[in-house]
Amino acid sequence: MQLDLFPTTVHLRCIDPAKNKRRFYGLQLQRTLFGQWAVVREWGRIGSRVGQRLEQWFDDPAAAHAFMNQLEEVKRLRGYH
């Protein structure tokens, strides 16, 4: 699988001034030092210094990319763009 052909970084935002909602969600596909693949998720409020970060590791790059695509789809269904 050639990862150069697929996006390895996704930045999403969800802004709704009526609800005081200003959120971001980021996804990154990275190779680890141990030869595995990590999907790195970061999220929080836009403008805040504090956010969350979670890494999930995979042995197969195709599985990691499929997982990242699934997360992106769920976030887009929840109003992120």
PDB file of N, CA and C in Angstrom:
ATOM      1  N   MET A   1       0.841  -1.182   0.000  1.00  0.00           N
ATOM      2  CA  MET A   1       0.000   0.000   0.000  1.00  0.00           C
ATOM      3  C   MET A   1       0.882   1.240   0.000  1.00  0.00           C
ATOM      4  N   GLN A   2       0.641   2.140  -0.925  1.00  0.00           N
ATOM      5  CA  GLN A   2       1.394   3.376  -0.989  1.00  0.00           C
ATOM      6  C   GLN A   2       0.639   4.454  -0.245  1.00  0.00           C
ATOM      7  N   LEU A   3       1.156   4.853   0.891  1.00  0.00           N
ATOM      8  CA  LEU A   3       0.476   5.854   1.692  1.00  0.00           C
ATOM      9  C   LEU A   3       0.609   7.243   1.095  1.00  0.00           C
ATOM     10  N   ASP A   4       1.549   7.438   0.155  1.00  0.00           N
ATOM     11  CA  ASP A   4       1.695   8.740  -0.481  1.00  0.00           C
ATOM     12  C   ASP A   4       0.438   9.121  -1.255  1.00  0.00           C
ATOM     13  N   LEU A   5      -0.347   8.140  -1.644  1.00  0.00           N
ATOM     14  CA  LEU A   5      -1.548   8.399  -2.430  1.00  0.00           C
ATOM     15  C   LEU A   5      -2.750   8.749  -1.572  1.00  0.00           C
ATOM     16  N   PHE A   6      -2.659   8.545  -0.275  1.00  0.00           N
ATOM     17  CA  PHE A   6      -3.782   8.756   0.623  1.00  0.00           C
ATOM     18  C   PHE A   6      -3.458   9.849   1.631  1.00  0.00           C
ATOM     19  N   PRO A   7      -4.480  10.604   2.057  1.00  0.00           N
ATOM     20  CA  PRO A   7      -4.200  11.643   3.059  1.00  0.00           C
ATOM     21  C   PRO A   7      -3.762  11.016   4.385  1.00  0.00           C
ATOM     22  N   THR A   8      -2.740  11.601   4.978  1.00  0.00           N
ATOM     23  CA  THR A   8      -2.245  11.099   6.262  1.00  0.00           C
ATOM     24  C   THR A   8      -2.526  12.097   7.384  1.00  0.00           C
ATOM     25  N   THR A   9      -3.119  13.238   7.042  1.00  0.00           N
ATOM     26  CA  THR A   9      -3.466  14.255   8.025  1.00  0.00           C
ATOM     27  C   THR A   9      -4.846  14.810   7.703  1.00  0.00           C
ATOM     28  N   VAL A  10      -5.694  14.916   8.720  1.00  0.00           N
ATOM     29  CA  VAL A  10      -7.037  15.474   8.561  1.00  0.00           C
ATOM     30  C   VAL A  10      -7.270  16.475   9.683  1.00  0.00           C
ATOM     31  N   HIS A  11      -7.703  17.682   9.333  1.00  0.00           N
ATOM     32  CA  HIS A  11      -8.044  18.711  10.317  1.00  0.00           C
ATOM     33  C   HIS A  11      -9.512  19.070  10.128  1.00  0.00           C
ATOM     34  N   LEU A  12     -10.307  18.921  11.179  1.00  0.00           N
ATOM     35  CA  LEU A  12     -11.738  19.208  11.116  1.00  0.00           C
ATOM     36  C   LEU A  12     -12.105  20.237  12.181  1.00  0.00           C
ATOM     37  N   ARG A  13     -13.166  21.000  11.891  1.00  0.00           N
ATOM     38  CA  ARG A  13     -13.660  21.983  12.855  1.00  0.00           C
ATOM     39  C   ARG A  13     -15.173  21.881  12.943  1.00  0.00           C
ATOM     40  N   CYS A  14     -15.700  22.236  14.098  1.00  0.00           N
ATOM     41  CA  CYS A  14     -17.151  22.305  14.309  1.00  0.00           C
ATOM     42  C   CYS A  14     -17.418  23.610  15.058  1.00  0.00           C
ATOM     43  N   ILE A  15     -18.004  24.575  14.355  1.00  0.00           N
ATOM     44  CA  ILE A  15     -18.252  25.888  14.942  1.00  0.00           C
ATOM     45  C   ILE A  15     -19.742  26.199  14.838  1.00  0.00           C
ATOM     46  N   ASP A  16     -20.341  26.511  15.984  1.00  0.00           N
ATOM     47  CA  ASP A  16     -21.747  26.905  16.050  1.00  0.00           C
ATOM     48  C   ASP A  16     -21.853  28.019  17.096  1.00  0.00           C
ATOM     49  N   PRO A  17     -21.808  29.294  16.662  1.00  0.00           N
ATOM     50  CA  PRO A  17     -21.843  30.410  17.620  1.00  0.00           C
ATOM     51  C   PRO A  17     -23.095  30.417  18.500  1.00  0.00           C
ATOM     52  N   ALA A  18     -24.227  29.965  17.974  1.00  0.00           N
ATOM     53  CA  ALA A  18     -25.462  29.958  18.765  1.00  0.00           C
ATOM     54  C   ALA A  18     -25.350  29.045  19.979  1.00  0.00           C
ATOM     55  N   LYS A  19     -24.539  28.001  19.856  1.00  0.00           N
ATOM     56  CA  LYS A  19     -24.360  27.052  20.967  1.00  0.00           C
ATOM     57  C   LYS A  19     -23.017  27.237  21.677  1.00  0.00           C
ATOM     58  N   ASN A  20     -22.282  28.304  21.310  1.00  0.00           N
ATOM     59  CA  ASN A  20     -20.949  28.559  21.865  1.00  0.00           C
ATOM     60  C   ASN A  20     -20.029  27.357  21.650  1.00  0.00           C
ATOM     61  N   LYS A  21     -20.134  26.756  20.488  1.00  0.00           N
ATOM     62  CA  LYS A  21     -19.344  25.559  20.167  1.00  0.00           C
ATOM     63  C   LYS A  21     -18.234  25.934  19.190  1.00  0.00           C
ATOM     64  N   ARG A  22     -16.991  25.706  19.593  1.00  0.00           N
ATOM     65  CA  ARG A  22     -15.814  25.959  18.747  1.00  0.00           C
ATOM     66  C   ARG A  22     -14.825  24.821  19.005  1.00  0.00           C
ATOM     67  N   ARG A  23     -14.960  23.755  18.260  1.00  0.00           N
ATOM     68  CA  ARG A  23     -14.148  22.558  18.500  1.00  0.00           C
ATOM     69  C   ARG A  23     -13.293  22.221  17.290  1.00  0.00           C
ATOM     70  N   PHE A  24     -12.176  21.541  17.564  1.00  0.00           N
ATOM     71  CA  PHE A  24     -11.337  21.009  16.489  1.00  0.00           C
ATOM     72  C   PHE A  24     -11.117  19.527  16.735  1.00  0.00           C
ATOM     73  N   TYR A  25     -10.814  18.839  15.661  1.00  0.00           N
ATOM     74  CA  TYR A  25     -10.502  17.407  15.732  1.00  0.00           C
ATOM     75  C   TYR A  25      -9.457  17.125  14.667  1.00  0.00           C
ATOM     76  N   GLY A  26      -8.339  16.568  15.060  1.00  0.00           N
ATOM     77  CA  GLY A  26      -7.260  16.274  14.124  1.00  0.00           C
ATOM     78  C   GLY A  26      -6.903  14.802  14.128  1.00  0.00           C
ATOM     79  N   LEU A  27      -6.595  14.290  12.950  1.00  0.00           N
ATOM     80  CA  LEU A  27      -6.163  12.897  12.787  1.00  0.00           C
ATOM     81  C   LEU A  27      -4.855  12.884  12.006  1.00  0.00           C
ATOM     82  N   GLN A  28      -3.932  12.038  12.438  1.00  0.00           N
ATOM     83  CA  GLN A  28      -2.665  11.879  11.736  1.00  0.00           C
ATOM     84  C   GLN A  28      -2.270  10.426  11.713  1.00  0.00           C
ATOM     85  N   LEU A  29      -1.773   9.989  10.572  1.00  0.00           N
ATOM     86  CA  LEU A  29      -1.242   8.640  10.432  1.00  0.00           C
ATOM     87  C   LEU A  29       0.274   8.750  10.426  1.00  0.00           C
ATOM     88  N   GLN A  30       0.927   8.079  11.386  1.00  0.00           N
ATOM     89  CA  GLN A  30       2.376   8.196  11.538  1.00  0.00           C
ATOM     90  C   GLN A  30       3.014   6.826  11.677  1.00  0.00           C
ATOM     91  N   ARG A  31       4.216   6.715  11.184  1.00  0.00           N
ATOM     92  CA  ARG A  31       5.019   5.502  11.384  1.00  0.00           C
ATOM     93  C   ARG A  31       5.736   5.634  12.719  1.00  0.00           C
ATOM     94  N   THR A  32       5.720   4.586  13.522  1.00  0.00           N
ATOM     95  CA  THR A  32       6.382   4.631  14.822  1.00  0.00           C
ATOM     96  C   THR A  32       7.836   4.184  14.701  1.00  0.00           C
ATOM     97  N   LEU A  33       8.601   4.378  15.748  1.00  0.00           N
ATOM     98  CA  LEU A  33       9.997   3.951  15.748  1.00  0.00           C
ATOM     99  C   LEU A  33      10.141   2.437  15.734  1.00  0.00           C
ATOM    100  N   PHE A  34       9.081   1.733  16.089  1.00  0.00           N
ATOM    101  CA  PHE A  34       9.125   0.277  16.187  1.00  0.00           C
ATOM    102  C   PHE A  34       8.556  -0.413  14.948  1.00  0.00           C
ATOM    103  N   GLY A  35       8.305   0.360  13.876  1.00  0.00           N
ATOM    104  CA  GLY A  35       7.822  -0.214  12.632  1.00  0.00           C
ATOM    105  C   GLY A  35       6.315  -0.385  12.551  1.00  0.00           C
ATOM    106  N   GLN A  36       5.615   0.064  13.570  1.00  0.00           N
ATOM    107  CA  GLN A  36       4.164  -0.006  13.535  1.00  0.00           C
ATOM    108  C   GLN A  36       3.613   1.307  12.979  1.00  0.00           C
ATOM    109  N   TRP A  37       2.295   1.384  12.911  1.00  0.00           N
ATOM    110  CA  TRP A  37       1.621   2.593  12.446  1.00  0.00           C
ATOM    111  C   TRP A  37       0.713   3.091  13.554  1.00  0.00           C
ATOM    112  N   ALA A  38       0.675   4.393  13.737  1.00  0.00           N
ATOM    113  CA  ALA A  38      -0.148   4.995  14.782  1.00  0.00           C
ATOM    114  C   ALA A  38      -1.138   5.974  14.161  1.00  0.00           C
ATOM    115  N   VAL A  39      -2.381   5.895  14.625  1.00  0.00           N
ATOM    116  CA  VAL A  39      -3.372   6.920  14.316  1.00  0.00           C
ATOM    117  C   VAL A  39      -3.417   7.821  15.545  1.00  0.00           C
ATOM    118  N   VAL A  40      -3.020   9.067  15.354  1.00  0.00           N
ATOM    119  CA  VAL A  40      -2.951  10.031  16.443  1.00  0.00           C
ATOM    120  C   VAL A  40      -4.160  10.951  16.329  1.00  0.00           C
ATOM    121  N   ARG A  41      -4.944  11.010  17.407  1.00  0.00           N
ATOM    122  CA  ARG A  41      -6.132  11.867  17.447  1.00  0.00           C
ATOM    123  C   ARG A  41      -5.898  12.985  18.447  1.00  0.00           C
ATOM    124  N   GLU A  42      -6.233  14.202  18.057  1.00  0.00           N
ATOM    125  CA  GLU A  42      -6.153  15.351  18.955  1.00  0.00           C
ATOM    126  C   GLU A  42      -7.457  16.122  18.829  1.00  0.00           C
ATOM    127  N   TRP A  43      -8.002  16.558  19.966  1.00  0.00           N
ATOM    128  CA  TRP A  43      -9.256  17.299  19.934  1.00  0.00           C
ATOM    129  C   TRP A  43      -9.327  18.242  21.113  1.00  0.00           C
ATOM    130  N   GLY A  44     -10.204  19.243  20.965  1.00  0.00           N
ATOM    131  CA  GLY A  44     -10.398  20.208  22.035  1.00  0.00           C
ATOM    132  C   GLY A  44     -11.129  21.433  21.533  1.00  0.00           C
ATOM    133  N   ARG A  45     -11.116  22.478  22.348  1.00  0.00           N
ATOM    134  CA  ARG A  45     -11.772  23.735  21.999  1.00  0.00           C
ATOM    135  C   ARG A  45     -10.777  24.624  21.256  1.00  0.00           C
ATOM    136  N   ILE A  46     -11.220  25.219  20.167  1.00  0.00           N
ATOM    137  CA  ILE A  46     -10.371  26.124  19.399  1.00  0.00           C
ATOM    138  C   ILE A  46      -9.994  27.309  20.284  1.00  0.00           C
ATOM    139  N   GLY A  47      -8.712  27.618  20.358  1.00  0.00           N
ATOM    140  CA  GLY A  47      -8.222  28.731  21.164  1.00  0.00           C
ATOM    141  C   GLY A  47      -7.799  28.347  22.570  1.00  0.00           C
ATOM    142  N   SER A  48      -8.111  27.134  22.993  1.00  0.00           N
ATOM    143  CA  SER A  48      -7.736  26.688  24.326  1.00  0.00           C
ATOM    144  C   SER A  48      -6.321  26.112  24.305  1.00  0.00           C
ATOM    145  N   ARG A  49      -5.633  26.251  25.396  1.00  0.00           N
ATOM    146  CA  ARG A  49      -4.285  25.677  25.495  1.00  0.00           C
ATOM    147  C   ARG A  49      -4.324  24.203  25.865  1.00  0.00           C
ATOM    148  N   VAL A  50      -5.463  23.750  26.351  1.00  0.00           N
ATOM    149  CA  VAL A  50      -5.602  22.376  26.809  1.00  0.00           C
ATOM    150  C   VAL A  50      -6.417  21.598  25.780  1.00  0.00           C
ATOM    151  N   GLY A  51      -5.932  20.428  25.426  1.00  0.00           N
ATOM    152  CA  GLY A  51      -6.640  19.548  24.514  1.00  0.00           C
ATOM    153  C   GLY A  51      -6.373  18.103  24.898  1.00  0.00           C
ATOM    154  N   GLN A  52      -6.920  17.208  24.155  1.00  0.00           N
ATOM    155  CA  GLN A  52      -6.740  15.783  24.413  1.00  0.00           C
ATOM    156  C   GLN A  52      -5.950  15.156  23.275  1.00  0.00           C
ATOM    157  N   ARG A  53      -5.274  14.063  23.568  1.00  0.00           N
ATOM    158  CA  ARG A  53      -4.489  13.345  22.561  1.00  0.00           C
ATOM    159  C   ARG A  53      -4.566  11.858  22.854  1.00  0.00           C
ATOM    160  N   LEU A  54      -4.749  11.073  21.806  1.00  0.00           N
ATOM    161  CA  LEU A  54      -4.834   9.630  21.943  1.00  0.00           C
ATOM    162  C   LEU A  54      -4.143   8.985  20.755  1.00  0.00           C
ATOM    163  N   GLU A  55      -3.317   7.973  21.004  1.00  0.00           N
ATOM    164  CA  GLU A  55      -2.651   7.218  19.946  1.00  0.00           C
ATOM    165  C   GLU A  55      -3.148   5.782  19.958  1.00  0.00           C
ATOM    166  N   GLN A  56      -3.426   5.251  18.773  1.00  0.00           N
ATOM    167  CA  GLN A  56      -3.770   3.840  18.635  1.00  0.00           C
ATOM    168  C   GLN A  56      -2.814   3.247  17.612  1.00  0.00           C
ATOM    169  N   TRP A  57      -2.195   2.131  17.960  1.00  0.00           N
ATOM    170  CA  TRP A  57      -1.153   1.532  17.143  1.00  0.00           C
ATOM    171  C   TRP A  57      -1.692   0.342  16.368  1.00  0.00           C
ATOM    172  N   PHE A  58      -1.151   0.170  15.155  1.00  0.00           N
ATOM    173  CA  PHE A  58      -1.535  -0.915  14.260  1.00  0.00           C
ATOM    174  C   PHE A  58      -0.283  -1.518  13.637  1.00  0.00           C
ATOM    175  N   ASP A  59      -0.335  -2.825  13.358  1.00  0.00           N
ATOM    176  CA  ASP A  59       0.769  -3.480  12.662  1.00  0.00           C
ATOM    177  C   ASP A  59       0.663  -3.285  11.155  1.00  0.00           C
ATOM    178  N   ASP A  60      -0.547  -3.127  10.662  1.00  0.00           N
ATOM    179  CA  ASP A  60      -0.809  -3.035   9.225  1.00  0.00           C
ATOM    180  C   ASP A  60      -1.185  -1.599   8.843  1.00  0.00           C
ATOM    181  N   PRO A  61      -0.483  -0.989   7.884  1.00  0.00           N
ATOM    182  CA  PRO A  61      -0.814   0.389   7.502  1.00  0.00           C
ATOM    183  C   PRO A  61      -2.212   0.509   6.888  1.00  0.00           C
ATOM    184  N   ALA A  62      -2.673  -0.515   6.205  1.00  0.00           N
ATOM    185  CA  ALA A  62      -4.015  -0.472   5.609  1.00  0.00           C
ATOM    186  C   ALA A  62      -5.084  -0.436   6.696  1.00  0.00           C
ATOM    187  N   ALA A  63      -4.888  -1.188   7.768  1.00  0.00           N
ATOM    188  CA  ALA A  63      -5.839  -1.186   8.878  1.00  0.00           C
ATOM    189  C   ALA A  63      -5.845   0.170   9.577  1.00  0.00           C
ATOM    190  N   ALA A  64      -4.672   0.766   9.741  1.00  0.00           N
ATOM    191  CA  ALA A  64      -4.579   2.078  10.374  1.00  0.00           C
ATOM    192  C   ALA A  64      -5.283   3.128   9.522  1.00  0.00           C
ATOM    193  N   HIS A  65      -5.069   3.078   8.220  1.00  0.00           N
ATOM    194  CA  HIS A  65      -5.695   4.055   7.324  1.00  0.00           C
ATOM    195  C   HIS A  65      -7.212   3.860   7.292  1.00  0.00           C
ATOM    196  N   ALA A  66      -7.681   2.625   7.287  1.00  0.00           N
ATOM    197  CA  ALA A  66      -9.119   2.358   7.306  1.00  0.00           C
ATOM    198  C   ALA A  66      -9.745   2.883   8.597  1.00  0.00           C
ATOM    199  N   PHE A  67      -9.061   2.704   9.711  1.00  0.00           N
ATOM    200  CA  PHE A  67      -9.552   3.199  11.002  1.00  0.00           C
ATOM    201  C   PHE A  67      -9.626   4.722  10.990  1.00  0.00           C
ATOM    202  N   MET A  68      -8.607   5.376  10.435  1.00  0.00           N
ATOM    203  CA  MET A  68      -8.587   6.827  10.352  1.00  0.00           C
ATOM    204  C   MET A  68      -9.746   7.334   9.487  1.00  0.00           C
ATOM    205  N   ASN A  69     -10.001   6.669   8.370  1.00  0.00           N
ATOM    206  CA  ASN A  69     -11.109   7.059   7.495  1.00  0.00           C
ATOM    207  C   ASN A  69     -12.449   6.901   8.194  1.00  0.00           C
ATOM    208  N   GLN A  70     -12.587   5.846   8.980  1.00  0.00           N
ATOM    209  CA  GLN A  70     -13.829   5.609   9.716  1.00  0.00           C
ATOM    210  C   GLN A  70     -14.065   6.711  10.754  1.00  0.00           C
ATOM    211  N   LEU A  71     -13.014   7.102  11.468  1.00  0.00           N
ATOM    212  CA  LEU A  71     -13.129   8.183  12.452  1.00  0.00           C
ATOM    213  C   LEU A  71     -13.512   9.497  11.772  1.00  0.00           C
ATOM    214  N   GLU A  72     -12.899   9.768  10.624  1.00  0.00           N
ATOM    215  CA  GLU A  72     -13.214  10.998   9.897  1.00  0.00           C
ATOM    216  C   GLU A  72     -14.686  11.017   9.476  1.00  0.00           C
ATOM    217  N   GLU A  73     -15.174   9.910   8.983  1.00  0.00           N
ATOM    218  CA  GLU A  73     -16.569   9.829   8.553  1.00  0.00           C
ATOM    219  C   GLU A  73     -17.532  10.078   9.721  1.00  0.00           C
ATOM    220  N   VAL A  74     -17.245   9.488  10.873  1.00  0.00           N
ATOM    221  CA  VAL A  74     -18.097   9.682  12.048  1.00  0.00           C
ATOM    222  C   VAL A  74     -18.107  11.151  12.456  1.00  0.00           C
ATOM    223  N   LYS A  75     -16.965  11.801  12.456  1.00  0.00           N
ATOM    224  CA  LYS A  75     -16.890  13.206  12.841  1.00  0.00           C
ATOM    225  C   LYS A  75     -17.636  14.087  11.840  1.00  0.00           C
ATOM    226  N   ARG A  76     -17.533  13.785  10.566  1.00  0.00           N
ATOM    227  CA  ARG A  76     -18.252  14.576   9.560  1.00  0.00           C
ATOM    228  C   ARG A  76     -19.762  14.419   9.729  1.00  0.00           C
ATOM    229  N   LEU A  77     -20.214  13.224  10.104  1.00  0.00           N
ATOM    230  CA  LEU A  77     -21.638  13.016  10.348  1.00  0.00           C
ATOM    231  C   LEU A  77     -22.124  13.800  11.584  1.00  0.00           C
ATOM    232  N   ARG A  78     -21.200  14.118  12.477  1.00  0.00           N
ATOM    233  CA  ARG A  78     -21.537  14.873  13.692  1.00  0.00           C
ATOM    234  C   ARG A  78     -21.377  16.377  13.518  1.00  0.00           C
ATOM    235  N   GLY A  79     -21.184  16.827  12.298  1.00  0.00           N
ATOM    236  CA  GLY A  79     -21.155  18.271  12.035  1.00  0.00           C
ATOM    237  C   GLY A  79     -19.777  18.884  11.859  1.00  0.00           C
ATOM    238  N   TYR A  80     -18.736  18.108  11.910  1.00  0.00           N
ATOM    239  CA  TYR A  80     -17.391  18.637  11.670  1.00  0.00           C
ATOM    240  C   TYR A  80     -17.149  18.761  10.165  1.00  0.00           C
ATOM    241  N   HIS A  81     -16.388  19.752   9.772  1.00  0.00           N
ATOM    242  CA  HIS A  81     -16.018  19.920   8.361  1.00  0.00           C
ATOM    243  C   HIS A  81     -14.597  20.442   8.240  1.00  0.00           C
TER     244      HIS A  81
END
